[in-house]
Each structure stands twice: as C-alpha cells, then as structure tokens.
Amino acid sequence: MPKSAGVRFSTAALLCMGLAGAHAHAQGNYEIQVYGSETVAPRSLMVEVHSNFTPKGQKYLIEGVLPTNHQEHETLELTEGLTSWSEIGFYVFTSEQAGYGTQWVGDHIRPRVRAPDSWHLPVGLSLSTEIGYQRAVYSPDTWTWEIRPIIDKTLGRWYFAVNPALERTWHGPDIRQGVGFAPGAKIGYDFSRKVSGGLEYYADYGRLGAFDALHTQQQQIFAVTDLNVSPKWEINMGVGVGPTAGTDHLIVKGILGRRFDWGRHSSVE
C-alpha cells in the first residue's frame, strides 16, 4: 500500500472509531445511580456529591464536543422532601480535565412522587421526571427531558431495582430521534448490617422501537459497594466497564450523601 494511501486509511479509521463512539462523549456520567423508590422525608434535605472519573474513555474532539478520557466529574445534588410521598431535586454538573480546567457543565431539576405506604403495594413504586441543560461542548443535545419509573423490592438480604427510563431531546441533533430507551437496574446483597455489594447496569439503547446497533449502544456494568453506616448517610462506590464502542470503557464512581433535618416530621430514625 502506498504511504499516502496508508495515511488516508489511518485517518479514516480514526474517524470511524470516533463516530462509532459518538454517543460516548454525550454520556450522562455525572450522576451514575440506580434510583430506589423511597423519597426524602418532608422537612429534610439530602445533600449528595457524585464523583466520577474516566480513566479510559473517548479520546477525540468530535464536532466540538470534548473527549471524556481522563475527565473528572463532580456533581452536587440537593433533594428536598416536600410531602411523605414527593420530593424535588436539583443538580449542578461540573467537569475537570487537563487542558480545559474546571468547567460548569449544566443544571437539571427533578421532581419525584411515589406510591404512598397506604396503598400496600407488593413492590416499591415511584416516578421521576428530569429536565435540564448541558453545555454543547459536553453534550450536543443541550436541552433534554427524562421520565423514569422506579420499581424496587427487598427480599431478605437481597435488593432489586429497575429504572426503565425514557429520554427525549428538546434541543440538539437527537431531537429527530424521538423517545429513547435508557434502562438501569441494580441487584444488591447485604453481607452484613453495614456492608452491601452488588451490580449496577446502565444502558442507552437508542430510539424506542428502533434500537441502535449493539456496538453504538451505551452499555455499562458496575461492581458496587454500599456502606450503611447511618440512616443519615449514603455511601456508594463502584468501578464500571463499558463493553461497546459507544461507551466509555472504564469509569470509577463514588457517592457521598448526608441528610439534614430542618424541622419536625413523622419519619423514624
């Protein structure tokens, strides 16, 4: 093969690799969490910091969107309990990366309701909706909306949760995609009263009814540990791998949360 042809071939290969991972730089790796059905008690504020680092991710600048490789994400989540069955959450996303410094990424707001205990359902059930903005250098789809049903169940030491989320872009190239399907799931086991371990799964299959090809889908599997040190604290740590071309291939995450009670309410410590 002539040298010039080899150069053209290598360039084309790199471009194809970048396009194959085009979804990777738009991944929502800021708040990596499978939701449980419980809501924050009224007159309580849950403050969480989500920390995520990508040791192995997308390495190329594609259509003005920054690569995810070696990005550090710090997200502040504030969740206020409204009633015994509702809450509202607010997120501030930030990113730090060599050569780009620390940047504000965007904000989301998330109201959520759950089935009251008086319904006596056999599973926990709640519904979250989230709308927000992200800067175009971090996601070409700047305005997005999500509706997330949440179903969970505790059976002895086992815990199961499923979040079959639906997503919609309101401004950006994926607005033509319509409604996308982005499920999440968790299975956990209590090794002791304070230590739990398990697996979390996150995906973005693409448009509902016409999923993307497997290699361009986002697929992530995390091995996680939860430390149940106190009802006031939330501690979650995990390492995730992405087996598809459309996914960041290695992510380390952590969640540290603290609940603050600012008034009298009926919940039991």
Protein backbone atom coordinates (compact mmCIF):
# COMPACT_ATOMS: atom_id res chain seq x y z
CA MET A 1 0.00 0.00 0.00
CA PRO A 2 1.43 3.45 -0.93
CA LYS A 3 2.35 5.67 2.03
CA SER A 4 -0.26 8.32 1.13
CA ALA A 5 -2.97 5.67 0.90
CA GLY A 6 -1.90 4.30 4.28
CA VAL A 7 -2.18 7.75 5.82
CA ARG A 8 -5.65 8.18 4.31
CA PHE A 9 -6.65 4.75 5.59
CA SER A 10 -5.39 5.51 9.12
CA THR A 11 -7.19 8.84 9.18
CA ALA A 12 -10.41 7.25 8.00
CA ALA A 13 -10.07 4.50 10.60
CA LEU A 14 -9.63 7.04 13.39
CA LEU A 15 -12.65 8.97 12.14
CA CYS A 16 -14.76 5.83 12.06
CA MET A 17 -13.63 4.97 15.59
CA GLY A 18 -14.66 8.42 16.71
CA LEU A 19 -18.03 8.21 15.00
CA ALA A 20 -18.63 4.74 16.38
CA GLY A 21 -18.13 6.21 19.84
CA ALA A 22 -20.08 9.37 19.06
CA HIS A 23 -22.51 8.67 21.88
CA ALA A 24 -19.69 8.26 24.38
CA HIS A 25 -18.89 11.93 24.80
CA ALA A 26 -22.58 12.65 25.35
CA GLN A 27 -22.92 10.10 28.14
CA GLY A 28 -24.54 11.33 31.31
CA ASN A 29 -21.66 10.20 33.53
CA TYR A 30 -22.30 12.86 36.13
CA GLU A 31 -24.83 11.18 38.41
CA ILE A 32 -24.41 7.42 37.97
CA GLN A 33 -27.07 5.92 40.19
CA VAL A 34 -29.95 3.47 40.10
CA TYR A 35 -32.84 5.09 41.95
CA GLY A 36 -34.70 3.44 44.80
CA SER A 37 -38.39 4.11 45.26
CA GLU A 38 -38.14 5.93 48.61
CA THR A 39 -38.38 9.72 48.66
CA VAL A 40 -36.74 12.13 51.09
CA ALA A 41 -38.91 12.83 54.14
CA PRO A 42 -40.61 16.23 54.36
CA ARG A 43 -38.60 18.98 56.05
CA SER A 44 -35.38 17.12 55.22
CA LEU A 45 -32.63 18.00 52.76
CA MET A 46 -30.40 15.35 51.22
CA VAL A 47 -27.04 16.70 50.05
CA GLU A 48 -25.06 14.40 47.76
CA VAL A 49 -21.76 14.72 45.93
CA HIS A 50 -21.31 12.41 42.95
CA SER A 51 -17.67 11.92 41.88
CA ASN A 52 -16.86 10.11 38.65
CA PHE A 53 -13.53 9.68 36.85
CA THR A 54 -12.99 8.15 33.40
CA PRO A 55 -9.53 6.52 33.17
CA LYS A 56 -10.36 5.14 29.71
CA GLY A 57 -12.86 6.97 27.53
CA GLN A 58 -13.34 8.83 24.26
CA LYS A 59 -10.01 10.47 23.30
CA TYR A 60 -11.01 12.65 20.34
CA LEU A 61 -12.68 16.02 19.93
CA ILE A 62 -15.71 15.29 17.73
CA GLU A 63 -17.84 18.08 16.26
CA GLY A 64 -16.89 20.46 19.05
CA VAL A 65 -17.64 18.04 21.90
CA LEU A 66 -14.79 17.44 24.36
CA PRO A 67 -13.34 13.93 24.82
CA THR A 68 -14.29 12.10 28.02
CA ASN A 69 -10.90 10.46 28.56
CA HIS A 70 -9.49 11.48 31.96
CA GLN A 71 -12.47 13.71 32.75
CA GLU A 72 -13.30 14.18 36.43
CA HIS A 73 -16.97 14.91 37.10
CA GLU A 74 -18.24 16.43 40.33
CA THR A 75 -21.99 16.81 40.72
CA LEU A 76 -23.82 18.47 43.59
CA GLU A 77 -27.32 17.08 44.15
CA LEU A 78 -29.77 18.73 46.54
CA THR A 79 -33.03 16.91 47.24
CA GLU A 80 -35.76 18.43 49.41
CA GLY A 81 -38.63 16.37 50.78
CA LEU A 82 -41.99 18.02 50.10
CA THR A 83 -44.55 15.54 51.47
CA SER A 84 -44.44 11.94 52.67
CA TRP A 85 -44.72 10.90 49.00
CA SER A 86 -42.93 13.62 47.00
CA GLU A 87 -39.59 15.42 46.68
CA ILE A 88 -37.73 17.76 44.33
CA GLY A 89 -34.07 17.53 43.36
CA PHE A 90 -31.63 19.96 41.76
CA TYR A 91 -28.25 19.15 40.17
CA VAL A 92 -25.15 21.19 39.38
CA PHE A 93 -22.77 19.38 36.99
CA THR A 94 -19.05 20.24 36.72
CA SER A 95 -16.10 18.76 34.86
CA GLU A 96 -12.32 19.00 35.33
CA GLN A 97 -9.83 17.92 32.68
CA ALA A 98 -6.21 18.66 31.83
CA GLY A 99 -6.05 21.40 29.21
CA TYR A 100 -9.61 22.57 29.88
CA GLY A 101 -9.60 23.28 33.62
CA THR A 102 -12.69 23.17 35.79
CA GLN A 103 -15.89 23.92 33.90
CA TRP A 104 -19.57 24.28 34.72
CA VAL A 105 -21.44 21.73 32.58
CA GLY A 106 -25.13 22.37 33.32
CA ASP A 107 -28.07 22.04 35.70
CA HIS A 108 -31.08 19.72 35.99
CA ILE A 109 -34.24 19.78 38.08
CA ARG A 110 -36.03 16.59 39.11
CA PRO A 111 -39.45 16.31 40.83
CA ARG A 112 -40.45 12.83 42.01
CA VAL A 113 -43.52 11.16 43.54
CA ARG A 114 -44.01 7.68 44.99
CA ALA A 115 -46.87 5.36 45.80
CA PRO A 116 -47.95 6.03 49.42
CA ASP A 117 -47.41 3.30 52.02
CA SER A 118 -51.20 3.19 52.48
CA TRP A 119 -51.51 1.55 49.05
CA HIS A 120 -49.75 -1.57 50.41
CA LEU A 121 -48.17 -2.45 47.06
CA PRO A 122 -46.01 -5.60 46.86
CA VAL A 123 -43.13 -3.52 45.43
CA GLY A 124 -41.81 0.00 45.91
CA LEU A 125 -43.02 2.28 43.12
CA SER A 126 -42.18 5.87 42.22
CA LEU A 127 -41.94 8.15 39.19
CA SER A 128 -39.24 10.74 38.50
CA THR A 129 -39.11 13.34 35.74
CA GLU A 130 -35.99 15.35 34.97
CA ILE A 131 -35.39 18.29 32.67
CA GLY A 132 -32.21 20.25 32.23
CA TYR A 133 -29.45 21.90 30.26
CA GLN A 134 -25.89 20.86 29.44
CA ARG A 135 -23.38 22.96 27.51
CA ALA A 136 -22.84 21.88 23.91
CA VAL A 137 -19.12 21.18 24.44
CA TYR A 138 -20.15 18.36 26.80
CA SER A 139 -23.33 17.18 25.09
CA PRO A 140 -24.59 18.16 21.63
CA ASP A 141 -28.12 17.64 22.99
CA THR A 142 -28.25 20.69 25.22
CA TRP A 143 -31.85 20.51 26.48
CA THR A 144 -33.16 17.09 27.49
CA TRP A 145 -36.07 15.52 29.35
CA GLU A 146 -36.36 12.18 31.11
CA ILE A 147 -39.18 10.27 32.72
CA ARG A 148 -38.06 7.43 34.97
CA PRO A 149 -40.37 4.80 36.50
CA ILE A 150 -38.74 3.21 39.56
CA ILE A 151 -39.57 -0.26 40.86
CA ASP A 152 -37.72 -1.94 43.72
CA LYS A 153 -38.07 -4.80 46.16
CA THR A 154 -36.22 -6.12 49.21
CA LEU A 155 -36.28 -9.88 49.79
CA GLY A 156 -34.35 -10.80 52.92
CA ARG A 157 -30.76 -9.77 52.28
CA TRP A 158 -31.39 -9.22 48.57
CA TYR A 159 -32.34 -5.91 46.95
CA PHE A 160 -33.60 -5.43 43.38
CA ALA A 161 -34.33 -2.20 41.50
CA VAL A 162 -35.28 -1.42 37.90
CA ASN A 163 -35.39 2.06 36.27
CA PRO A 164 -36.81 1.73 32.69
CA ALA A 165 -36.20 5.39 31.78
CA LEU A 166 -37.44 7.18 28.67
CA GLU A 167 -35.49 10.16 27.29
CA ARG A 168 -36.29 12.98 24.88
CA THR A 169 -34.07 15.67 23.38
CA TRP A 170 -35.63 19.13 23.11
CA HIS A 171 -32.64 20.87 21.50
CA GLY A 172 -29.81 19.14 19.66
CA PRO A 173 -29.10 16.64 16.88
CA ASP A 174 -31.01 13.79 18.56
CA ILE A 175 -34.27 15.76 18.51
CA ARG A 176 -35.15 13.74 15.39
CA GLN A 177 -34.64 10.51 17.31
CA GLY A 178 -37.83 10.92 19.31
CA VAL A 179 -38.11 8.99 22.54
CA GLY A 180 -35.11 6.91 23.58
CA PHE A 181 -34.93 3.97 25.99
CA ALA A 182 -32.26 4.12 28.72
CA PRO A 183 -32.82 1.46 31.38
CA GLY A 184 -30.94 0.98 34.61
CA ALA A 185 -31.01 -1.88 37.12
CA LYS A 186 -29.41 -2.95 40.37
CA ILE A 187 -29.05 -6.15 42.34
CA GLY A 188 -27.53 -6.00 45.81
CA TYR A 189 -26.84 -8.30 48.73
CA ASP A 190 -26.34 -7.41 52.39
CA PHE A 191 -23.15 -9.12 53.55
CA SER A 192 -23.67 -7.54 56.96
CA ARG A 193 -25.82 -4.85 58.54
CA LYS A 194 -23.40 -2.20 57.31
CA VAL A 195 -21.90 -3.56 54.07
CA SER A 196 -23.74 -4.40 50.84
CA GLY A 197 -22.35 -5.35 47.45
CA GLY A 198 -23.80 -5.89 44.03
CA LEU A 199 -24.02 -4.98 40.38
CA GLU A 200 -25.50 -1.95 38.63
CA TYR A 201 -26.36 -1.81 34.93
CA TYR A 202 -26.84 1.30 32.79
CA ALA A 203 -27.70 1.50 29.09
CA ASP A 204 -28.92 3.72 26.31
CA TYR A 205 -30.39 1.59 23.53
CA GLY A 206 -31.41 4.45 21.27
CA ARG A 207 -34.81 5.24 19.78
CA LEU A 208 -37.73 3.32 21.21
CA GLY A 209 -38.84 0.71 18.68
CA ALA A 210 -35.72 1.05 16.51
CA PHE A 211 -32.71 0.48 18.76
CA ASP A 212 -29.18 1.39 17.69
CA ALA A 213 -26.79 -1.31 16.56
CA LEU A 214 -25.21 -3.04 19.55
CA HIS A 215 -21.73 -1.54 19.06
CA THR A 216 -23.11 2.03 19.16
CA GLN A 217 -25.34 1.47 22.19
CA GLN A 218 -24.19 2.57 25.62
CA GLN A 219 -23.76 -0.38 27.97
CA GLN A 220 -22.15 -0.10 31.41
CA ILE A 221 -21.81 -2.66 34.21
CA PHE A 222 -20.60 -1.58 37.66
CA ALA A 223 -19.44 -3.64 40.60
CA VAL A 224 -20.55 -1.58 43.61
CA THR A 225 -20.36 -1.41 47.38
CA ASP A 226 -22.82 0.40 49.67
CA LEU A 227 -21.88 1.27 53.25
CA ASN A 228 -24.91 1.58 55.54
CA VAL A 229 -23.20 3.38 58.39
CA SER A 230 -26.21 5.50 59.43
CA PRO A 231 -29.71 6.46 58.20
CA LYS A 232 -28.34 9.96 57.70
CA TRP A 233 -25.51 8.92 55.38
CA GLU A 234 -25.33 7.46 51.87
CA ILE A 235 -22.05 5.97 50.68
CA ASN A 236 -21.73 4.17 47.35
CA MET A 237 -18.56 3.22 45.43
CA GLY A 238 -18.10 1.36 42.18
CA VAL A 239 -16.00 0.50 39.15
CA GLY A 240 -17.68 0.19 35.77
CA VAL A 241 -16.75 -1.20 32.39
CA GLY A 242 -18.28 -0.38 29.01
CA PRO A 243 -18.04 -3.28 26.54
CA THR A 244 -19.40 -1.44 23.47
CA ALA A 245 -17.74 1.09 21.16
CA GLY A 246 -20.37 3.69 22.10
CA THR A 247 -19.43 3.58 25.80
CA ASP A 248 -16.57 4.91 27.92
CA HIS A 249 -14.61 1.76 28.68
CA LEU A 250 -13.64 2.33 32.32
CA ILE A 251 -15.23 4.58 34.96
CA VAL A 252 -14.71 4.88 38.71
CA LYS A 253 -17.55 6.44 40.72
CA GLY A 254 -18.42 7.42 44.25
CA ILE A 255 -21.44 8.95 46.01
CA LEU A 256 -21.31 10.63 49.40
CA GLY A 257 -24.62 11.87 50.81
CA ARG A 258 -25.79 13.41 54.09
CA ARG A 259 -29.35 14.07 55.20
CA PHE A 260 -30.15 17.21 57.18
CA ASP A 261 -33.42 17.59 59.10
CA TRP A 262 -34.54 21.19 59.45
CA GLY A 263 -37.92 20.64 61.12
CA ARG A 264 -40.14 18.18 62.92
CA HIS A 265 -41.56 15.36 60.82
CA SER A 266 -43.04 11.94 61.31
CA SER A 267 -40.24 9.78 59.90
CA VAL A 268 -38.50 7.40 62.26
CA GLU A 269 -34.69 7.47 62.56
